[in-house]
Amino acid sequence: MRETKKWVRMTRAEEAAFNQKQRDKYRQNQYGLSPAAFDALLHGQGDVCAICRKANWNGKGPNVDHDHATGKVRGLLCPKCNTALGVAEDDLQRLRAMVTYLEEANAEMREIQ
């Protein structure tokens, strides 16, 4: 007679602990960042995003920002700032042009008002 497996649903606390373990494992494998090193990096940034200086973690915690050429970790970012860098492809000229564009557009808007 074949034994069937009984699935047991995890509690929210168990699920959160499991998900944290998975994130820790991923950061270790992908970036060589141990949980202690990750925590030290986050605390060194004042527990906020390295760019916007807010703690908008979107429920999952900070994203690890890294140089795609070297793999070196640069800091921890909120999802919005991490996405912005990714879309800009870490291109400093593009990012500077974006800032210039916003400054000029804001100045024009102030003149209209």
Protein backbone atom coordinates (compact mmCIF):
# COMPACT_ATOMS: atom_id res chain seq x y z
CA MET A 1 0.00 0.00 0.00
CA ARG A 2 1.38 3.39 -1.01
CA GLU A 3 1.71 6.06 1.64
CA THR A 4 0.40 9.51 0.77
CA LYS A 5 2.06 12.67 1.98
CA LYS A 6 0.01 14.96 4.12
CA TRP A 7 0.70 18.64 3.44
CA VAL A 8 0.84 20.87 6.45
CA ARG A 9 0.38 24.59 6.00
CA MET A 10 3.05 26.76 7.62
CA THR A 11 2.10 29.45 10.07
CA ARG A 12 2.89 33.02 9.04
CA ALA A 13 5.84 33.06 11.42
CA GLU A 14 7.19 29.80 9.96
CA GLU A 15 6.70 31.11 6.43
CA ALA A 16 8.48 34.37 7.28
CA ALA A 17 11.39 32.45 8.83
CA PHE A 18 11.58 30.14 5.79
CA ASN A 19 11.56 33.11 3.38
CA GLN A 20 14.27 34.87 5.39
CA LYS A 21 16.41 31.73 5.25
CA GLN A 22 15.97 31.60 1.48
CA ARG A 23 16.98 35.28 1.12
CA ASP A 24 20.03 34.73 3.36
CA LYS A 25 21.05 31.70 1.30
CA TYR A 26 20.60 33.60 -1.98
CA ARG A 27 22.67 36.59 -0.78
CA GLN A 28 25.42 34.26 0.40
CA ASN A 29 25.54 32.35 -2.89
CA GLN A 30 25.03 35.30 -5.22
CA TYR A 31 27.09 38.02 -3.51
CA GLY A 32 29.15 36.23 -0.86
CA LEU A 33 27.26 38.21 1.77
CA SER A 34 26.68 36.39 5.04
CA PRO A 35 23.66 37.39 7.14
CA ALA A 36 26.03 39.14 9.58
CA ALA A 37 27.76 41.06 6.76
CA PHE A 38 24.37 42.02 5.31
CA ASP A 39 23.19 43.29 8.69
CA ALA A 40 26.43 45.22 9.20
CA LEU A 41 26.08 46.84 5.76
CA LEU A 42 22.46 47.78 6.46
CA HIS A 43 23.26 49.21 9.91
CA GLY A 44 26.23 51.09 8.42
CA GLN A 45 23.74 52.80 6.07
CA GLY A 46 21.56 53.77 9.03
CA ASP A 47 19.00 51.04 8.18
CA VAL A 48 17.84 53.01 5.12
CA CYS A 49 18.33 52.94 1.33
CA ALA A 50 21.78 54.21 0.32
CA ILE A 51 20.19 56.53 -2.26
CA CYS A 52 16.84 57.91 -1.06
CA ARG A 53 17.63 57.43 2.66
CA LYS A 54 14.21 55.89 3.32
CA ALA A 55 13.30 52.45 4.66
CA ASN A 56 10.85 51.56 1.86
CA TRP A 57 11.65 47.86 1.72
CA ASN A 58 8.34 46.73 0.19
CA GLY A 59 7.98 43.85 2.63
CA LYS A 60 11.02 41.87 1.47
CA GLY A 61 13.90 43.92 2.76
CA PRO A 62 16.63 45.80 0.91
CA ASN A 63 17.94 44.87 -2.52
CA VAL A 64 21.67 44.21 -2.81
CA ASP A 65 23.14 46.66 -5.33
CA HIS A 66 26.25 45.39 -7.07
CA ASP A 67 28.51 46.26 -9.96
CA HIS A 68 27.51 43.95 -12.80
CA ALA A 69 31.04 43.90 -14.24
CA THR A 70 32.90 43.02 -11.04
CA GLY A 71 30.11 41.57 -8.89
CA LYS A 72 31.25 43.80 -6.02
CA VAL A 73 28.49 44.86 -3.62
CA ARG A 74 28.01 48.64 -3.56
CA GLY A 75 25.23 48.97 -1.01
CA LEU A 76 21.63 48.20 -0.15
CA LEU A 77 18.77 49.90 -1.96
CA CYS A 78 15.00 50.09 -1.82
CA PRO A 79 13.22 48.45 -4.77
CA LYS A 80 12.48 51.80 -6.46
CA CYS A 81 16.08 53.05 -6.36
CA ASN A 82 17.40 49.65 -7.41
CA THR A 83 15.01 49.59 -10.37
CA ALA A 84 15.95 53.16 -11.35
CA LEU A 85 19.65 52.24 -11.47
CA GLY A 86 18.89 49.09 -13.42
CA VAL A 87 16.76 50.89 -16.00
CA ALA A 88 19.48 53.54 -16.38
CA GLU A 89 21.97 50.65 -16.82
CA ASP A 90 24.31 52.30 -14.27
CA ASP A 91 25.13 54.84 -17.00
CA LEU A 92 26.41 57.99 -15.27
CA GLN A 93 25.85 60.14 -18.35
CA ARG A 94 22.25 59.03 -18.58
CA LEU A 95 21.68 59.61 -14.86
CA ARG A 96 23.24 63.09 -15.03
CA ALA A 97 21.11 63.89 -18.09
CA MET A 98 18.04 62.80 -16.15
CA VAL A 99 18.92 65.14 -13.28
CA THR A 100 19.55 68.02 -15.70
CA TYR A 101 16.25 67.34 -17.43
CA LEU A 102 14.33 67.39 -14.13
CA GLU A 103 16.08 70.55 -12.93
CA GLU A 104 15.30 72.37 -16.19
CA ALA A 105 11.70 71.12 -16.29
CA ASN A 106 11.15 72.18 -12.67
CA ALA A 107 12.64 75.62 -13.35
CA GLU A 108 10.30 76.06 -16.35
CA MET A 109 7.32 75.00 -14.25
CA ARG A 110 8.20 77.60 -11.60
CA GLU A 111 8.39 80.30 -14.29
CA ILE A 112 4.92 79.39 -15.60
CA GLN A 113 3.35 79.68 -12.15
